[in-house]
Amino acid sequence: MMSQATVTLWRPVGPKELELIKASGMREFPPRLPDQPIFYPVLTEAYATQIARDWNVPASGSGFVTRFDVLKSFLDRYRVEHAGSRAHLEYWIPAEDLADFNKAIIGKIEVTATFSKAAG
């Protein structure tokens, strides 16, 4: 079997989203809420860390960085978007494409960092 090319991405999540990811066996991201038309995985761990630490912690008390591999052939449908600075790179996956995105994840979603108010 030939291995297919993958791209490693990161996603900062709060505690509620992490619980839903865990419920999937660490295999998929939950559907977007009605007011969330886009799913935003990011290209660097540093950017995911910044969001998890500086946005998720104040908003929900804790933040987590997840890492996962996605088939490059799936991501080729989308362009990399700049969200502010040149260091803030992400894919904008329409909510209606999230089920297909999840199918393109190879392996499990891993938590690589945890931040909380208690940890300072």
N, C-alpha and C. Protein backbone atom coordinates (compact mmCIF):
# COMPACT_ATOMS: atom_id res chain seq x y z
N MET A 1 0.84 -1.19 0.00
CA MET A 1 0.00 0.00 0.00
C MET A 1 0.89 1.25 0.00
N MET A 2 0.60 2.15 -0.91
CA MET A 2 1.37 3.40 -0.98
C MET A 2 0.86 4.37 0.09
N SER A 3 1.79 5.00 0.76
CA SER A 3 1.35 6.00 1.73
C SER A 3 1.03 7.29 1.00
N GLN A 4 0.02 7.95 1.50
CA GLN A 4 -0.40 9.21 0.88
C GLN A 4 0.22 10.37 1.66
N ALA A 5 0.53 11.45 0.94
CA ALA A 5 1.12 12.62 1.57
C ALA A 5 0.13 13.26 2.53
N THR A 6 0.64 13.67 3.68
CA THR A 6 -0.19 14.35 4.67
C THR A 6 0.44 15.67 5.05
N VAL A 7 -0.36 16.51 5.65
CA VAL A 7 0.07 17.80 6.18
C VAL A 7 -0.28 17.81 7.66
N THR A 8 0.66 18.18 8.51
CA THR A 8 0.39 18.30 9.94
C THR A 8 -0.21 19.67 10.21
N LEU A 9 -1.35 19.67 10.89
CA LEU A 9 -2.03 20.91 11.27
C LEU A 9 -2.26 20.91 12.77
N TRP A 10 -2.61 22.07 13.27
CA TRP A 10 -2.92 22.25 14.69
C TRP A 10 -4.25 22.96 14.80
N ARG A 11 -4.91 22.75 15.94
CA ARG A 11 -6.14 23.48 16.22
C ARG A 11 -6.20 23.76 17.71
N PRO A 12 -6.35 25.04 18.06
CA PRO A 12 -6.58 25.38 19.46
C PRO A 12 -8.05 25.14 19.79
N VAL A 13 -8.30 24.51 20.93
CA VAL A 13 -9.68 24.22 21.32
C VAL A 13 -9.88 24.53 22.80
N GLY A 14 -11.12 24.78 23.14
CA GLY A 14 -11.51 24.95 24.53
C GLY A 14 -11.96 23.61 25.11
N PRO A 15 -12.34 23.60 26.39
CA PRO A 15 -12.70 22.34 27.04
C PRO A 15 -13.93 21.65 26.45
N LYS A 16 -14.92 22.40 26.02
CA LYS A 16 -16.13 21.77 25.46
C LYS A 16 -15.82 21.07 24.14
N GLU A 17 -15.05 21.74 23.27
CA GLU A 17 -14.69 21.12 22.00
C GLU A 17 -13.80 19.90 22.23
N LEU A 18 -12.90 19.98 23.21
CA LEU A 18 -12.03 18.84 23.49
C LEU A 18 -12.85 17.63 23.95
N GLU A 19 -13.86 17.86 24.77
CA GLU A 19 -14.70 16.74 25.22
C GLU A 19 -15.39 16.07 24.04
N LEU A 20 -15.84 16.85 23.07
CA LEU A 20 -16.48 16.28 21.88
C LEU A 20 -15.47 15.52 21.02
N ILE A 21 -14.25 16.02 20.94
CA ILE A 21 -13.19 15.31 20.21
C ILE A 21 -12.92 13.97 20.91
N LYS A 22 -12.81 14.00 22.24
CA LYS A 22 -12.58 12.76 22.99
C LYS A 22 -13.71 11.76 22.76
N ALA A 23 -14.94 12.26 22.70
CA ALA A 23 -16.10 11.38 22.49
C ALA A 23 -16.03 10.68 21.13
N SER A 24 -15.30 11.25 20.19
CA SER A 24 -15.15 10.64 18.86
C SER A 24 -14.00 9.63 18.84
N GLY A 25 -13.36 9.41 19.98
CA GLY A 25 -12.19 8.55 20.01
C GLY A 25 -10.95 9.27 19.51
N MET A 26 -10.96 10.59 19.58
CA MET A 26 -9.85 11.44 19.10
C MET A 26 -9.68 11.30 17.59
N ARG A 27 -10.79 11.12 16.88
CA ARG A 27 -10.76 10.89 15.43
C ARG A 27 -11.35 12.03 14.62
N GLU A 28 -12.16 12.90 15.25
CA GLU A 28 -12.79 13.95 14.44
C GLU A 28 -13.15 15.17 15.27
N PHE A 29 -13.32 16.26 14.56
CA PHE A 29 -13.76 17.51 15.17
C PHE A 29 -15.28 17.58 15.10
N PRO A 30 -15.91 18.18 16.11
CA PRO A 30 -17.38 18.24 16.12
C PRO A 30 -17.92 19.20 15.07
N PRO A 31 -19.18 19.00 14.69
CA PRO A 31 -19.80 19.93 13.73
C PRO A 31 -19.75 21.36 14.25
N ARG A 32 -19.71 22.28 13.33
CA ARG A 32 -19.69 23.69 13.70
C ARG A 32 -21.07 24.10 14.21
N LEU A 33 -21.11 25.08 15.06
CA LEU A 33 -22.37 25.65 15.54
C LEU A 33 -22.94 26.56 14.45
N PRO A 34 -24.23 26.87 14.51
CA PRO A 34 -24.84 27.70 13.46
C PRO A 34 -24.13 29.03 13.21
N ASP A 35 -23.55 29.62 14.26
CA ASP A 35 -22.86 30.90 14.09
C ASP A 35 -21.37 30.73 13.76
N GLN A 36 -20.96 29.51 13.39
CA GLN A 36 -19.57 29.21 13.05
C GLN A 36 -19.52 28.61 11.64
N PRO A 37 -19.54 29.45 10.61
CA PRO A 37 -19.59 28.92 9.24
C PRO A 37 -18.27 28.35 8.72
N ILE A 38 -17.18 28.59 9.44
CA ILE A 38 -15.86 28.17 8.97
C ILE A 38 -15.14 27.41 10.09
N PHE A 39 -14.41 26.37 9.70
CA PHE A 39 -13.53 25.62 10.60
C PHE A 39 -12.11 26.07 10.28
N TYR A 40 -11.33 26.45 11.30
CA TYR A 40 -10.02 27.06 11.10
C TYR A 40 -8.88 26.24 11.69
N PRO A 41 -8.37 25.24 11.00
CA PRO A 41 -7.13 24.62 11.47
C PRO A 41 -5.96 25.53 11.09
N VAL A 42 -4.92 25.54 11.92
CA VAL A 42 -3.81 26.46 11.68
C VAL A 42 -2.55 25.69 11.29
N LEU A 43 -1.59 26.40 10.69
CA LEU A 43 -0.41 25.76 10.12
C LEU A 43 0.76 25.61 11.07
N THR A 44 0.74 26.31 12.20
CA THR A 44 1.89 26.20 13.11
C THR A 44 1.44 25.98 14.55
N GLU A 45 2.28 25.27 15.26
CA GLU A 45 2.01 25.03 16.67
C GLU A 45 2.07 26.34 17.46
N ALA A 46 2.97 27.23 17.07
CA ALA A 46 3.11 28.51 17.77
C ALA A 46 1.82 29.33 17.69
N TYR A 47 1.20 29.35 16.52
CA TYR A 47 -0.05 30.10 16.35
C TYR A 47 -1.16 29.44 17.16
N ALA A 48 -1.25 28.12 17.14
CA ALA A 48 -2.27 27.42 17.92
C ALA A 48 -2.07 27.66 19.41
N THR A 49 -0.81 27.67 19.84
CA THR A 49 -0.50 27.93 21.25
C THR A 49 -0.95 29.33 21.65
N GLN A 50 -0.67 30.30 20.80
CA GLN A 50 -1.06 31.68 21.08
C GLN A 50 -2.58 31.78 21.28
N ILE A 51 -3.35 31.14 20.42
CA ILE A 51 -4.81 31.21 20.53
C ILE A 51 -5.28 30.46 21.77
N ALA A 52 -4.77 29.25 21.99
CA ALA A 52 -5.20 28.45 23.15
C ALA A 52 -4.92 29.17 24.46
N ARG A 53 -3.74 29.75 24.55
CA ARG A 53 -3.31 30.42 25.78
C ARG A 53 -3.97 31.79 25.96
N ASP A 54 -4.01 32.58 24.88
CA ASP A 54 -4.42 33.98 25.00
C ASP A 54 -5.91 34.20 24.74
N TRP A 55 -6.59 33.24 24.12
CA TRP A 55 -8.01 33.42 23.83
C TRP A 55 -8.86 32.38 24.55
N ASN A 56 -8.51 31.08 24.41
CA ASN A 56 -9.33 30.04 25.02
C ASN A 56 -9.31 30.11 26.55
N VAL A 57 -8.15 30.36 27.15
CA VAL A 57 -8.08 30.41 28.62
C VAL A 57 -8.97 31.52 29.18
N PRO A 58 -8.87 32.77 28.71
CA PRO A 58 -9.77 33.80 29.24
C PRO A 58 -11.25 33.50 28.94
N ALA A 59 -11.53 32.89 27.80
CA ALA A 59 -12.92 32.65 27.40
C ALA A 59 -13.56 31.49 28.16
N SER A 60 -12.76 30.45 28.48
CA SER A 60 -13.39 29.25 29.05
C SER A 60 -12.60 28.61 30.19
N GLY A 61 -11.53 29.26 30.63
CA GLY A 61 -10.77 28.74 31.76
C GLY A 61 -9.62 27.83 31.40
N SER A 62 -9.67 27.25 30.21
CA SER A 62 -8.56 26.41 29.76
C SER A 62 -8.52 26.37 28.23
N GLY A 63 -7.35 26.04 27.72
CA GLY A 63 -7.17 25.93 26.28
C GLY A 63 -6.22 24.79 25.98
N PHE A 64 -6.40 24.18 24.84
CA PHE A 64 -5.62 23.02 24.46
C PHE A 64 -5.15 23.17 23.01
N VAL A 65 -3.96 22.68 22.74
CA VAL A 65 -3.45 22.64 21.38
C VAL A 65 -3.56 21.19 20.91
N THR A 66 -4.20 21.01 19.75
CA THR A 66 -4.28 19.68 19.16
C THR A 66 -3.44 19.64 17.89
N ARG A 67 -2.92 18.45 17.60
CA ARG A 67 -2.12 18.22 16.39
C ARG A 67 -2.70 17.01 15.68
N PHE A 68 -2.72 17.08 14.35
CA PHE A 68 -3.28 15.98 13.56
C PHE A 68 -2.77 16.08 12.14
N ASP A 69 -2.83 14.97 11.43
CA ASP A 69 -2.39 14.90 10.04
C ASP A 69 -3.60 14.77 9.13
N VAL A 70 -3.58 15.52 8.03
CA VAL A 70 -4.67 15.54 7.06
C VAL A 70 -4.09 15.24 5.68
N LEU A 71 -4.84 14.49 4.88
CA LEU A 71 -4.40 14.19 3.53
C LEU A 71 -4.17 15.49 2.75
N LYS A 72 -2.98 15.60 2.17
CA LYS A 72 -2.66 16.77 1.37
C LYS A 72 -3.63 16.90 0.19
N SER A 73 -4.02 15.78 -0.38
CA SER A 73 -4.94 15.80 -1.53
C SER A 73 -6.27 16.48 -1.17
N PHE A 74 -6.71 16.34 0.08
CA PHE A 74 -7.92 17.04 0.52
C PHE A 74 -7.64 18.54 0.67
N LEU A 75 -6.56 18.88 1.32
CA LEU A 75 -6.25 20.29 1.58
C LEU A 75 -5.96 21.06 0.30
N ASP A 76 -5.56 20.39 -0.76
CA ASP A 76 -5.25 21.06 -2.02
C ASP A 76 -6.46 21.81 -2.59
N ARG A 77 -7.66 21.50 -2.11
CA ARG A 77 -8.87 22.21 -2.56
C ARG A 77 -8.96 23.64 -1.99
N TYR A 78 -8.19 23.90 -0.96
CA TYR A 78 -8.30 25.16 -0.21
C TYR A 78 -6.98 25.90 -0.26
N ARG A 79 -7.06 27.20 -0.12
CA ARG A 79 -5.82 27.97 -0.06
C ARG A 79 -5.53 28.34 1.39
N VAL A 80 -4.27 28.60 1.65
CA VAL A 80 -3.86 29.07 2.98
C VAL A 80 -4.23 30.54 3.09
N GLU A 81 -4.86 30.88 4.18
CA GLU A 81 -5.31 32.25 4.42
C GLU A 81 -4.44 32.90 5.50
N HIS A 82 -4.23 34.22 5.35
CA HIS A 82 -3.52 35.01 6.37
C HIS A 82 -4.58 35.63 7.27
N ALA A 83 -4.46 35.37 8.57
CA ALA A 83 -5.39 35.94 9.55
C ALA A 83 -4.62 36.95 10.39
N GLY A 84 -4.36 38.09 9.83
CA GLY A 84 -3.58 39.09 10.54
C GLY A 84 -2.16 39.11 10.04
N SER A 85 -1.22 38.70 10.89
CA SER A 85 0.19 38.75 10.51
C SER A 85 0.57 37.58 9.60
N ARG A 86 1.77 37.64 9.04
CA ARG A 86 2.25 36.56 8.18
C ARG A 86 2.43 35.26 8.96
N ALA A 87 2.55 35.35 10.28
CA ALA A 87 2.71 34.15 11.11
C ALA A 87 1.37 33.47 11.40
N HIS A 88 0.29 34.16 11.10
CA HIS A 88 -1.05 33.63 11.39
C HIS A 88 -1.65 33.03 10.13
N LEU A 89 -1.29 31.78 9.87
CA LEU A 89 -1.74 31.09 8.67
C LEU A 89 -2.71 29.98 9.04
N GLU A 90 -3.78 29.88 8.27
CA GLU A 90 -4.80 28.89 8.56
C GLU A 90 -5.55 28.51 7.29
N TYR A 91 -6.19 27.36 7.35
CA TYR A 91 -7.12 26.97 6.29
C TYR A 91 -8.51 27.38 6.72
N TRP A 92 -9.33 27.79 5.77
CA TRP A 92 -10.72 28.12 6.05
C TRP A 92 -11.56 27.04 5.40
N ILE A 93 -12.01 26.10 6.21
CA ILE A 93 -12.80 24.97 5.73
C ILE A 93 -14.27 25.29 6.00
N PRO A 94 -15.10 25.41 4.96
CA PRO A 94 -16.53 25.68 5.19
C PRO A 94 -17.14 24.59 6.08
N ALA A 95 -18.05 24.99 6.95
CA ALA A 95 -18.68 24.06 7.88
C ALA A 95 -19.26 22.84 7.17
N GLU A 96 -19.81 23.05 5.97
CA GLU A 96 -20.42 21.93 5.25
C GLU A 96 -19.38 20.93 4.74
N ASP A 97 -18.09 21.29 4.78
CA ASP A 97 -17.02 20.39 4.35
C ASP A 97 -16.34 19.68 5.53
N LEU A 98 -16.78 19.97 6.75
CA LEU A 98 -16.08 19.43 7.92
C LEU A 98 -16.15 17.90 7.99
N ALA A 99 -17.26 17.29 7.61
CA ALA A 99 -17.35 15.83 7.63
C ALA A 99 -16.29 15.22 6.70
N ASP A 100 -16.12 15.81 5.52
CA ASP A 100 -15.09 15.32 4.59
C ASP A 100 -13.68 15.59 5.14
N PHE A 101 -13.51 16.74 5.79
CA PHE A 101 -12.22 17.05 6.44
C PHE A 101 -11.89 15.96 7.46
N ASN A 102 -12.88 15.62 8.30
CA ASN A 102 -12.66 14.60 9.32
C ASN A 102 -12.27 13.26 8.69
N LYS A 103 -12.87 12.92 7.57
CA LYS A 103 -12.53 11.67 6.88
C LYS A 103 -11.10 11.71 6.34
N ALA A 104 -10.57 12.90 6.11
CA ALA A 104 -9.22 13.05 5.57
C ALA A 104 -8.15 13.07 6.67
N ILE A 105 -8.56 13.04 7.94
CA ILE A 105 -7.60 12.97 9.04
C ILE A 105 -7.03 11.56 9.08
N ILE A 106 -5.71 11.47 9.12
CA ILE A 106 -5.01 10.20 9.19
C ILE A 106 -4.51 10.02 10.63
N GLY A 107 -4.93 8.95 11.27
CA GLY A 107 -4.52 8.72 12.65
C GLY A 107 -5.43 9.48 13.61
N LYS A 108 -4.91 9.66 14.81
CA LYS A 108 -5.69 10.31 15.86
C LYS A 108 -5.28 11.77 16.05
N ILE A 109 -6.20 12.52 16.61
CA ILE A 109 -5.95 13.90 17.02
C ILE A 109 -5.25 13.81 18.38
N GLU A 110 -4.14 14.51 18.53
CA GLU A 110 -3.37 14.48 19.77
C GLU A 110 -3.42 15.84 20.46
N VAL A 111 -3.48 15.84 21.78
CA VAL A 111 -3.34 17.08 22.56
C VAL A 111 -1.86 17.25 22.85
N THR A 112 -1.29 18.37 22.42
CA THR A 112 0.14 18.60 22.61
C THR A 112 0.45 19.62 23.70
N ALA A 113 -0.54 20.41 24.11
CA ALA A 113 -0.31 21.41 25.16
C ALA A 113 -1.62 21.75 25.84
N THR A 114 -1.53 22.07 27.12
CA THR A 114 -2.69 22.45 27.92
C THR A 114 -2.37 23.72 28.68
N PHE A 115 -3.30 24.65 28.68
CA PHE A 115 -3.15 25.92 29.39
C PHE A 115 -4.39 26.14 30.25
N SER A 116 -4.20 26.70 31.43
CA SER A 116 -5.35 27.01 32.28
C SER A 116 -5.04 28.19 33.17
N LYS A 117 -6.09 28.77 33.71
CA LYS A 117 -5.90 29.91 34.63
C LYS A 117 -5.11 29.49 35.84
N ALA A 118 -5.33 28.26 36.32
CA ALA A 118 -4.63 27.77 37.49
C ALA A 118 -3.13 27.65 37.25
N ALA A 119 -2.77 27.34 35.98
CA ALA A 119 -1.34 27.17 35.66
C ALA A 119 -0.64 28.51 35.50
N GLY A 120 -1.44 29.57 35.41
CA GLY A 120 -0.86 30.91 35.30
C GLY A 120 -0.41 31.15 33.92
